[in-house]
PDB file of N, CA and C in Angstrom:
ATOM      1  N   MET A   1      96.939   1.788  31.520  1.00  0.00           N
ATOM      2  CA  MET A   1      96.218   0.980  31.363  1.00  0.00           C
ATOM      3  C   MET A   1      95.891  -0.402  30.975  1.00  0.00           C
ATOM      4  N   ASN A   2      95.217  -0.913  31.897  1.00  0.00           N
ATOM      5  CA  ASN A   2      95.008  -1.996  32.103  1.00  0.00           C
ATOM      6  C   ASN A   2      93.721  -2.894  30.882  1.00  0.00           C
ATOM      7  N   ARG A   3      93.677  -3.897  31.166  1.00  0.00           N
ATOM      8  CA  ARG A   3      93.194  -4.732  29.970  1.00  0.00           C
ATOM      9  C   ARG A   3      91.758  -3.922  29.465  1.00  0.00           C
ATOM     10  N   THR A   4      91.087  -4.252  30.631  1.00  0.00           N
ATOM     11  CA  THR A   4      89.752  -3.440  31.761  1.00  0.00           C
ATOM     12  C   THR A   4      89.643  -2.482  31.130  1.00  0.00           C
ATOM     13  N   GLU A   5      90.298  -1.656  31.249  1.00  0.00           N
ATOM     14  CA  GLU A   5      90.544  -0.197  30.583  1.00  0.00           C
ATOM     15  C   GLU A   5      90.795   0.111  29.561  1.00  0.00           C
ATOM     16  N   LEU A   6      91.088  -0.775  28.981  1.00  0.00           N
ATOM     17  CA  LEU A   6      91.510  -0.534  27.166  1.00  0.00           C
ATOM     18  C   LEU A   6      90.353  -0.719  26.402  1.00  0.00           C
ATOM     19  N   ILE A   7      89.439  -2.262  27.258  1.00  0.00           N
ATOM     20  CA  ILE A   7      88.368  -2.782  26.175  1.00  0.00           C
ATOM     21  C   ILE A   7      87.473  -1.945  26.739  1.00  0.00           C
ATOM     22  N   ASP A   8      87.141  -0.893  27.408  1.00  0.00           N
ATOM     23  CA  ASP A   8      86.109   0.294  27.887  1.00  0.00           C
ATOM     24  C   ASP A   8      86.328   1.450  27.247  1.00  0.00           C
ATOM     25  N   PHE A   9      87.923   1.821  26.865  1.00  0.00           N
ATOM     26  CA  PHE A   9      88.038   2.871  26.123  1.00  0.00           C
ATOM     27  C   PHE A   9      87.469   2.456  24.653  1.00  0.00           C
ATOM     28  N   ILE A  10      87.945   1.128  24.256  1.00  0.00           N
ATOM     29  CA  ILE A  10      87.729   1.237  22.813  1.00  0.00           C
ATOM     30  C   ILE A  10      86.070   0.580  22.321  1.00  0.00           C
ATOM     31  N   ALA A  11      85.361   0.526  23.549  1.00  0.00           N
ATOM     32  CA  ALA A  11      83.377  -0.155  23.400  1.00  0.00           C
ATOM     33  C   ALA A  11      83.065   1.791  23.385  1.00  0.00           C
ATOM     34  N   ASP A  12      83.842   2.498  24.100  1.00  0.00           N
ATOM     35  CA  ASP A  12      83.581   4.395  24.443  1.00  0.00           C
ATOM     36  C   ASP A  12      83.552   4.821  22.654  1.00  0.00           C
ATOM     37  N   LYS A  13      85.350   4.847  22.326  1.00  0.00           N
ATOM     38  CA  LYS A  13      85.572   5.458  21.080  1.00  0.00           C
ATOM     39  C   LYS A  13      84.819   4.758  19.540  1.00  0.00           C
ATOM     40  N   ALA A  14      84.505   3.496  19.723  1.00  0.00           N
ATOM     41  CA  ALA A  14      84.454   3.177  18.376  1.00  0.00           C
ATOM     42  C   ALA A  14      82.522   2.466  18.036  1.00  0.00           C
ATOM     43  N   GLY A  15      81.902   2.953  19.893  1.00  0.00           N
ATOM     44  CA  GLY A  15      80.547   2.765  20.065  1.00  0.00           C
ATOM     45  C   GLY A  15      80.543   1.737  19.412  1.00  0.00           C
ATOM     46  N   LEU A  16      81.044   0.201  20.597  1.00  0.00           N
ATOM     47  CA  LEU A  16      80.514  -1.080  20.410  1.00  0.00           C
ATOM     48  C   LEU A  16      80.112  -1.273  21.784  1.00  0.00           C
ATOM     49  N   THR A  17      79.812  -2.266  22.212  1.00  0.00           N
ATOM     50  CA  THR A  17      79.331  -2.865  23.656  1.00  0.00           C
ATOM     51  C   THR A  17      80.968  -3.614  24.219  1.00  0.00           C
ATOM     52  N   LYS A  18      81.104  -3.564  24.754  1.00  0.00           N
ATOM     53  CA  LYS A  18      82.604  -4.327  26.354  1.00  0.00           C
ATOM     54  C   LYS A  18      82.641  -5.454  25.437  1.00  0.00           C
ATOM     55  N   ALA A  19      81.400  -6.158  25.146  1.00  0.00           N
ATOM     56  CA  ALA A  19      81.244  -7.288  24.735  1.00  0.00           C
ATOM     57  C   ALA A  19      82.251  -7.647  23.279  1.00  0.00           C
ATOM     58  N   ALA A  20      81.480  -6.984  22.234  1.00  0.00           N
ATOM     59  CA  ALA A  20      82.351  -6.714  21.112  1.00  0.00           C
ATOM     60  C   ALA A  20      83.481  -6.251  20.919  1.00  0.00           C
ATOM     61  N   ALA A  21      83.625  -5.287  21.849  1.00  0.00           N
ATOM     62  CA  ALA A  21      85.001  -4.363  21.996  1.00  0.00           C
ATOM     63  C   ALA A  21      86.153  -5.020  22.443  1.00  0.00           C
ATOM     64  N   ALA A  22      85.453  -6.618  23.485  1.00  0.00           N
ATOM     65  CA  ALA A  22      86.497  -7.381  23.926  1.00  0.00           C
ATOM     66  C   ALA A  22      86.968  -8.413  22.709  1.00  0.00           C
ATOM     67  N   ASN A  23      85.565  -9.076  22.566  1.00  0.00           N
ATOM     68  CA  ASN A  23      86.085  -9.450  21.200  1.00  0.00           C
ATOM     69  C   ASN A  23      87.016  -8.960  19.707  1.00  0.00           C
ATOM     70  N   ALA A  24      87.135  -7.593  20.142  1.00  0.00           N
ATOM     71  CA  ALA A  24      87.826  -7.127  18.970  1.00  0.00           C
ATOM     72  C   ALA A  24      89.641  -7.181  19.384  1.00  0.00           C
ATOM     73  N   LEU A  25      89.635  -6.985  20.601  1.00  0.00           N
ATOM     74  CA  LEU A  25      91.291  -6.634  20.973  1.00  0.00           C
ATOM     75  C   LEU A  25      91.690  -8.117  21.367  1.00  0.00           C
ATOM     76  N   GLU A  26      90.855  -8.991  21.379  1.00  0.00           N
ATOM     77  CA  GLU A  26      91.438 -10.221  22.052  1.00  0.00           C
ATOM     78  C   GLU A  26      91.723 -11.409  20.247  1.00  0.00           C
ATOM     79  N   ALA A  27      90.949 -10.723  18.933  1.00  0.00           N
ATOM     80  CA  ALA A  27      91.103 -11.160  18.012  1.00  0.00           C
ATOM     81  C   ALA A  27      92.393 -10.089  17.025  1.00  0.00           C
ATOM     82  N   PHE A  28      92.745  -9.019  17.322  1.00  0.00           N
ATOM     83  CA  PHE A  28      93.871  -8.509  17.635  1.00  0.00           C
ATOM     84  C   PHE A  28      95.329  -8.765  17.646  1.00  0.00           C
ATOM     85  N   GLN A  29      94.923  -9.215  19.118  1.00  0.00           N
ATOM     86  CA  GLN A  29      96.196 -10.143  19.621  1.00  0.00           C
ATOM     87  C   GLN A  29      96.684 -11.553  19.172  1.00  0.00           C
ATOM     88  N   GLU A  30      95.426 -12.068  18.603  1.00  0.00           N
ATOM     89  CA  GLU A  30      95.428 -13.028  17.973  1.00  0.00           C
ATOM     90  C   GLU A  30      95.860 -13.161  16.692  1.00  0.00           C
ATOM     91  N   GLY A  31      95.618 -12.223  16.006  1.00  0.00           N
ATOM     92  CA  GLY A  31      96.484 -11.945  15.038  1.00  0.00           C
ATOM     93  C   GLY A  31      97.584 -11.079  14.637  1.00  0.00           C
ATOM     94  N   VAL A  32      98.383 -10.435  15.776  1.00  0.00           N
ATOM     95  CA  VAL A  32      99.403 -10.151  16.191  1.00  0.00           C
ATOM     96  C   VAL A  32      99.872 -11.238  16.560  1.00  0.00           C
ATOM     97  N   LYS A  33      99.820 -12.123  17.044  1.00  0.00           N
ATOM     98  CA  LYS A  33     100.841 -13.330  18.106  1.00  0.00           C
ATOM     99  C   LYS A  33     100.458 -14.369  16.583  1.00  0.00           C
ATOM    100  N   SER A  34      99.837 -14.643  15.907  1.00  0.00           N
ATOM    101  CA  SER A  34      99.859 -15.367  14.485  1.00  0.00           C
ATOM    102  C   SER A  34     101.127 -14.973  13.528  1.00  0.00           C
ATOM    103  N   SER A  35     101.159 -13.552  13.251  1.00  0.00           N
ATOM    104  CA  SER A  35     101.627 -13.159  12.052  1.00  0.00           C
ATOM    105  C   SER A  35     103.221 -13.236  12.686  1.00  0.00           C
ATOM    106  N   LEU A  36     103.556 -13.381  13.817  1.00  0.00           N
ATOM    107  CA  LEU A  36     104.857 -13.146  14.480  1.00  0.00           C
ATOM    108  C   LEU A  36     105.069 -14.541  14.948  1.00  0.00           C
ATOM    109  N   GLN A  37     104.313 -15.622  14.738  1.00  0.00           N
ATOM    110  CA  GLN A  37     104.850 -17.227  15.105  1.00  0.00           C
ATOM    111  C   GLN A  37     105.213 -17.259  13.968  1.00  0.00           C
ATOM    112  N   LYS A  38     105.128 -16.329  12.703  1.00  0.00           N
ATOM    113  CA  LYS A  38     104.580 -16.624  11.418  1.00  0.00           C
ATOM    114  C   LYS A  38     106.157 -16.762  10.534  1.00  0.00           C
ATOM    115  N   GLY A  39     106.790 -15.452  11.745  1.00  0.00           N
ATOM    116  CA  GLY A  39     107.951 -14.634  11.572  1.00  0.00           C
ATOM    117  C   GLY A  39     107.699 -13.614  10.841  1.00  0.00           C
ATOM    118  N   ASP A  40     106.563 -12.723  10.728  1.00  0.00           N
ATOM    119  CA  ASP A  40     105.704 -11.888   9.423  1.00  0.00           C
ATOM    120  C   ASP A  40     106.036 -10.429  10.725  1.00  0.00           C
ATOM    121  N   PRO A  41     106.084  -9.934  10.176  1.00  0.00           N
ATOM    122  CA  PRO A  41     106.176  -8.418  11.430  1.00  0.00           C
ATOM    123  C   PRO A  41     104.643  -7.916  11.254  1.00  0.00           C
ATOM    124  N   VAL A  42     104.175  -7.108  12.224  1.00  0.00           N
ATOM    125  CA  VAL A  42     103.401  -6.743  12.085  1.00  0.00           C
ATOM    126  C   VAL A  42     103.523  -4.907  12.145  1.00  0.00           C
ATOM    127  N   VAL A  43     103.263  -4.572  10.873  1.00  0.00           N
ATOM    128  CA  VAL A  43     103.395  -3.332  10.596  1.00  0.00           C
ATOM    129  C   VAL A  43     101.728  -2.206  10.734  1.00  0.00           C
ATOM    130  N   LEU A  44     101.611  -1.702  11.905  1.00  0.00           N
ATOM    131  CA  LEU A  44     100.565  -0.136  11.658  1.00  0.00           C
ATOM    132  C   LEU A  44     101.516   0.981  11.413  1.00  0.00           C
ATOM    133  N   VAL A  45     101.037   1.427  10.227  1.00  0.00           N
ATOM    134  CA  VAL A  45     101.241   2.418   9.652  1.00  0.00           C
ATOM    135  C   VAL A  45     101.059   3.915  10.816  1.00  0.00           C
ATOM    136  N   ASN A  46     102.738   4.801  11.255  1.00  0.00           N
ATOM    137  CA  ASN A  46     102.425   5.352  11.602  1.00  0.00           C
ATOM    138  C   ASN A  46     102.320   4.870  13.352  1.00  0.00           C
ATOM    139  N   PHE A  47     101.710   3.711  13.525  1.00  0.00           N
ATOM    140  CA  PHE A  47     101.931   4.129  15.143  1.00  0.00           C
ATOM    141  C   PHE A  47     103.103   3.000  15.831  1.00  0.00           C
ATOM    142  N   CYS A  48     103.438   1.707  14.939  1.00  0.00           N
ATOM    143  CA  CYS A  48     104.635   0.770  15.400  1.00  0.00           C
ATOM    144  C   CYS A  48     104.355  -0.283  14.409  1.00  0.00           C
ATOM    145  N   THR A  49     105.971  -1.059  15.081  1.00  0.00           N
ATOM    146  CA  THR A  49     105.748  -2.064  13.930  1.00  0.00           C
ATOM    147  C   THR A  49     106.427  -3.262  15.292  1.00  0.00           C
ATOM    148  N   ILE A  50     105.686  -4.507  14.819  1.00  0.00           N
ATOM    149  CA  ILE A  50     105.913  -5.190  16.200  1.00  0.00           C
ATOM    150  C   ILE A  50     107.204  -6.415  14.802  1.00  0.00           C
ATOM    151  N   THR A  51     108.277  -7.111  15.710  1.00  0.00           N
ATOM    152  CA  THR A  51     108.894  -7.878  14.653  1.00  0.00           C
ATOM    153  C   THR A  51     109.226  -8.951  15.700  1.00  0.00           C
ATOM    154  N   VAL A  52     109.835 -10.105  15.215  1.00  0.00           N
ATOM    155  CA  VAL A  52     110.460 -10.954  15.708  1.00  0.00           C
ATOM    156  C   VAL A  52     111.998 -10.836  16.053  1.00  0.00           C
ATOM    157  N   LYS A  53     112.929 -10.866  16.793  1.00  0.00           N
ATOM    158  CA  LYS A  53     113.829 -10.735  16.341  1.00  0.00           C
ATOM    159  C   LYS A  53     115.097 -11.630  17.724  1.00  0.00           C
ATOM    160  N   GLU A  54     116.015 -12.389  16.728  1.00  0.00           N
ATOM    161  CA  GLU A  54     116.887 -13.424  17.349  1.00  0.00           C
ATOM    162  C   GLU A  54     117.657 -12.584  18.248  1.00  0.00           C
ATOM    163  N   ARG A  55     117.757 -12.937  19.527  1.00  0.00           N
ATOM    164  CA  ARG A  55     119.074 -12.817  20.448  1.00  0.00           C
ATOM    165  C   ARG A  55     119.976 -13.746  20.054  1.00  0.00           C
ATOM    166  N   ALA A  56     121.643 -13.278  19.826  1.00  0.00           N
ATOM    167  CA  ALA A  56     122.594 -14.100  20.267  1.00  0.00           C
ATOM    168  C   ALA A  56     122.790 -14.493  21.518  1.00  0.00           C
ATOM    169  N   ALA A  57     123.202 -16.151  21.890  1.00  0.00           N
ATOM    170  CA  ALA A  57     123.356 -16.398  22.283  1.00  0.00           C
ATOM    171  C   ALA A  57     124.883 -15.537  23.303  1.00  0.00           C
ATOM    172  N   ARG A  58     125.168 -15.484  24.637  1.00  0.00           N
ATOM    173  CA  ARG A  58     125.734 -14.703  25.412  1.00  0.00           C
ATOM    174  C   ARG A  58     126.265 -15.553  26.820  1.00  0.00           C
ATOM    175  N   GLU A  59     126.960 -14.761  26.837  1.00  0.00           N
ATOM    176  CA  GLU A  59     127.930 -15.126  28.797  1.00  0.00           C
ATOM    177  C   GLU A  59     127.305 -13.990  29.488  1.00  0.00           C
ATOM    178  N   GLY A  60     126.937 -14.677  30.780  1.00  0.00           N
ATOM    179  CA  GLY A  60     126.283 -13.241  31.669  1.00  0.00           C
ATOM    180  C   GLY A  60     126.565 -13.856  32.714  1.00  0.00           C
ATOM    181  N   ARG A  61     126.635 -13.359  34.177  1.00  0.00           N
ATOM    182  CA  ARG A  61     126.853 -13.410  35.132  1.00  0.00           C
ATOM    183  C   ARG A  61     125.402 -13.627  36.280  1.00  0.00           C
ATOM    184  N   ASN A  62     125.122 -14.596  37.036  1.00  0.00           N
ATOM    185  CA  ASN A  62     124.603 -14.553  38.086  1.00  0.00           C
ATOM    186  C   ASN A  62     124.497 -13.536  39.413  1.00  0.00           C
ATOM    187  N   PRO A  63     123.590 -12.709  39.321  1.00  0.00           N
ATOM    188  CA  PRO A  63     123.787 -11.517  40.331  1.00  0.00           C
ATOM    189  C   PRO A  63     123.792 -12.137  41.236  1.00  0.00           C
ATOM    190  N   SER A  64     123.361 -13.405  42.025  1.00  0.00           N
ATOM    191  CA  SER A  64     123.456 -13.242  43.533  1.00  0.00           C
ATOM    192  C   SER A  64     124.561 -13.948  43.505  1.00  0.00           C
ATOM    193  N   THR A  65     125.618 -14.346  42.752  1.00  0.00           N
ATOM    194  CA  THR A  65     126.984 -15.325  43.119  1.00  0.00           C
ATOM    195  C   THR A  65     128.007 -14.362  42.280  1.00  0.00           C
ATOM    196  N   GLY A  66     127.857 -13.953  40.913  1.00  0.00           N
ATOM    197  CA  GLY A  66     128.702 -13.263  40.441  1.00  0.00           C
ATOM    198  C   GLY A  66     129.549 -14.528  39.601  1.00  0.00           C
ATOM    199  N   GLU A  67     128.627 -15.557  39.419  1.00  0.00           N
ATOM    200  CA  GLU A  67     129.129 -16.733  38.842  1.00  0.00           C
ATOM    201  C   GLU A  67     128.774 -16.576  37.058  1.00  0.00           C
ATOM    202  N   LYS A  68     129.904 -17.050  36.005  1.00  0.00           N
ATOM    203  CA  LYS A  68     129.324 -16.583  34.773  1.00  0.00           C
ATOM    204  C   LYS A  68     128.404 -17.502  34.549  1.00  0.00           C
ATOM    205  N   ILE A  69     127.558 -17.365  33.459  1.00  0.00           N
ATOM    206  CA  ILE A  69     126.687 -18.544  32.923  1.00  0.00           C
ATOM    207  C   ILE A  69     126.353 -18.641  31.418  1.00  0.00           C
ATOM    208  N   LYS A  70     126.100 -19.229  30.735  1.00  0.00           N
ATOM    209  CA  LYS A  70     125.784 -19.437  29.336  1.00  0.00           C
ATOM    210  C   LYS A  70     124.326 -18.808  29.202  1.00  0.00           C
ATOM    211  N   ILE A  71     124.036 -18.013  28.534  1.00  0.00           N
ATOM    212  CA  ILE A  71     122.791 -17.793  27.977  1.00  0.00           C
ATOM    213  C   ILE A  71     122.312 -17.938  26.817  1.00  0.00           C
ATOM    214  N   LYS A  72     121.514 -18.743  26.682  1.00  0.00           N
ATOM    215  CA  LYS A  72     120.744 -19.356  25.599  1.00  0.00           C
ATOM    216  C   LYS A  72     120.246 -18.514  24.376  1.00  0.00           C
ATOM    217  N   ALA A  73     120.410 -19.024  22.854  1.00  0.00           N
ATOM    218  CA  ALA A  73     120.059 -17.664  21.749  1.00  0.00           C
ATOM    219  C   ALA A  73     118.486 -17.942  21.628  1.00  0.00           C
ATOM    220  N   ALA A  74     117.686 -17.040  21.990  1.00  0.00           N
ATOM    221  CA  ALA A  74     116.245 -16.872  21.775  1.00  0.00           C
ATOM    222  C   ALA A  74     115.518 -15.838  20.916  1.00  0.00           C
ATOM    223  N   LYS A  75     114.337 -16.428  20.944  1.00  0.00           N
ATOM    224  CA  LYS A  75     113.656 -15.264  20.288  1.00  0.00           C
ATOM    225  C   LYS A  75     113.061 -14.487  21.071  1.00  0.00           C
ATOM    226  N   VAL A  76     112.821 -12.934  20.517  1.00  0.00           N
ATOM    227  CA  VAL A  76     112.404 -11.863  21.558  1.00  0.00           C
ATOM    228  C   VAL A  76     111.529 -11.147  20.298  1.00  0.00           C
ATOM    229  N   VAL A  77     110.735 -10.321  20.975  1.00  0.00           N
ATOM    230  CA  VAL A  77     109.515  -9.511  20.445  1.00  0.00           C
ATOM    231  C   VAL A  77     110.065  -7.815  20.821  1.00  0.00           C
ATOM    232  N   GLY A  78     110.206  -7.308  19.119  1.00  0.00           N
ATOM    233  CA  GLY A  78     111.032  -6.005  19.262  1.00  0.00           C
ATOM    234  C   GLY A  78     109.417  -5.019  18.878  1.00  0.00           C
ATOM    235  N   PHE A  79     109.322  -3.822  19.586  1.00  0.00           N
ATOM    236  CA  PHE A  79     108.494  -2.992  19.260  1.00  0.00           C
ATOM    237  C   PHE A  79     109.100  -1.630  18.737  1.00  0.00           C
ATOM    238  N   LYS A  80     108.892  -1.357  17.921  1.00  0.00           N
ATOM    239  CA  LYS A  80     108.920   0.122  17.237  1.00  0.00           C
ATOM    240  C   LYS A  80     108.299   1.481  16.977  1.00  0.00           C
ATOM    241  N   ALA A  81     108.313   1.804  18.217  1.00  0.00           N
ATOM    242  CA  ALA A  81     106.993   3.155  17.795  1.00  0.00           C
ATOM    243  C   ALA A  81     107.113   3.761  16.201  1.00  0.00           C
ATOM    244  N   GLY A  82     106.180   4.402  16.007  1.00  0.00           N
ATOM    245  CA  GLY A  82     105.912   4.903  14.984  1.00  0.00           C
ATOM    246  C   GLY A  82     106.287   6.303  14.850  1.00  0.00           C
ATOM    247  N   LYS A  83     106.404   7.260  13.629  1.00  0.00           N
ATOM    248  CA  LYS A  83     106.026   8.475  13.853  1.00  0.00           C
ATOM    249  C   LYS A  83     104.956   9.222  14.141  1.00  0.00           C
ATOM    250  N   ALA A  84     104.395   8.692  14.357  1.00  0.00           N
ATOM    251  CA  ALA A  84     102.956   9.477  15.332  1.00  0.00           C
ATOM    252  C   ALA A  84     102.911   9.329  15.930  1.00  0.00           C
ATOM    253  N   LEU A  85     103.022   7.809  16.762  1.00  0.00           N
ATOM    254  CA  LEU A  85     102.941   7.578  17.953  1.00  0.00           C
ATOM    255  C   LEU A  85     103.869   8.333  18.880  1.00  0.00           C
ATOM    256  N   LYS A  86     105.754   8.214  17.959  1.00  0.00           N
ATOM    257  CA  LYS A  86     106.362   9.377  19.330  1.00  0.00           C
ATOM    258  C   LYS A  86     106.322  10.562  18.650  1.00  0.00           C
ATOM    259  N   GLU A  87     104.999  11.507  17.998  1.00  0.00           N
ATOM    260  CA  GLU A  87     105.196  12.600  18.092  1.00  0.00           C
ATOM    261  C   GLU A  87     104.306  13.122  19.241  1.00  0.00           C
ATOM    262  N   ALA A  88     103.259  12.044  19.536  1.00  0.00           N
ATOM    263  CA  ALA A  88     102.088  12.432  20.470  1.00  0.00           C
ATOM    264  C   ALA A  88     102.638  12.238  21.282  1.00  0.00           C
ATOM    265  N   VAL A  89     103.847  11.397  21.688  1.00  0.00           N
ATOM    266  CA  VAL A  89     103.791  10.939  22.867  1.00  0.00           C
ATOM    267  C   VAL A  89     105.181  12.452  23.441  1.00  0.00           C
ATOM    268  N   LYS A  90     105.540  13.074  22.379  1.00  0.00           N
ATOM    269  CA  LYS A  90     106.482  14.127  22.696  1.00  0.00           C
ATOM    270  C   LYS A  90     105.660  15.164  23.144  1.00  0.00           C
ATOM    271  N   GLU A  91     104.648  15.513  22.307  1.00  0.00           N
ATOM    272  CA  GLU A  91     103.226  16.658  22.654  1.00  0.00           C
ATOM    273  C   GLU A  91     103.236  16.492  23.756  1.00  0.00           C
ATOM    274  N   ASP A  92     102.456  15.266  24.967  1.00  0.00           N
ATOM    275  CA  ASP A  92     102.554  15.188  25.999  1.00  0.00           C
ATOM    276  C   ASP A  92     103.262  15.418  27.187  1.00  0.00           C
ATOM    277  N   ALA A  93     104.375  15.399  26.695  1.00  0.00           N
ATOM    278  CA  ALA A  93     105.493  15.397  27.194  1.00  0.00           C
ATOM    279  C   ALA A  93     105.979  16.942  27.707  1.00  0.00           C
ATOM    280  N   GLY A  94     106.082  17.273  26.322  1.00  0.00           N
ATOM    281  CA  GLY A  94     106.366  19.116  26.253  1.00  0.00           C
ATOM    282  C   GLY A  94     105.170  19.465  27.627  1.00  0.00           C
ATOM    283  N   ALA A  95     104.422  19.343  27.771  1.00  0.00           N
ATOM    284  CA  ALA A  95     102.914  19.706  28.348  1.00  0.00           C
ATOM    285  C   ALA A  95     102.851  19.570  29.520  1.00  0.00           C
ATOM    286  N   THR A  96     103.331  18.393  29.854  1.00  0.00           N
ATOM    287  CA  THR A  96     103.209  18.355  31.385  1.00  0.00           C
ATOM    288  C   THR A  96     104.510  19.453  32.012  1.00  0.00           C
ATOM    289  N   ALA A  97     105.751  19.307  30.996  1.00  0.00           N
ATOM    290  CA  ALA A  97     106.887  19.661  32.017  1.00  0.00           C
ATOM    291  C   ALA A  97     107.116  21.321  32.479  1.00  0.00           C
TER     292      ALA A  97
END
């Protein structure tokens, strides 16, 4: 599902215009980004938890040359699916198998 399809889905499910659904999606994205920038997790009970994780510096290899390189420490976004989301995916997987 891409952004346009998601906006269409939100508009249909919530009875909103596409413009209102796009505004709601934009507000959601800004809220998540703002929270993560402050270091606060976003917890949507039974759906997901989005956090900022610290990735330690490490040594890697250039895939082209095999040469060792140093990879800097970095902040990365972590996503953990909630119980209801996991169950929904399991149910769908069982139906198509």
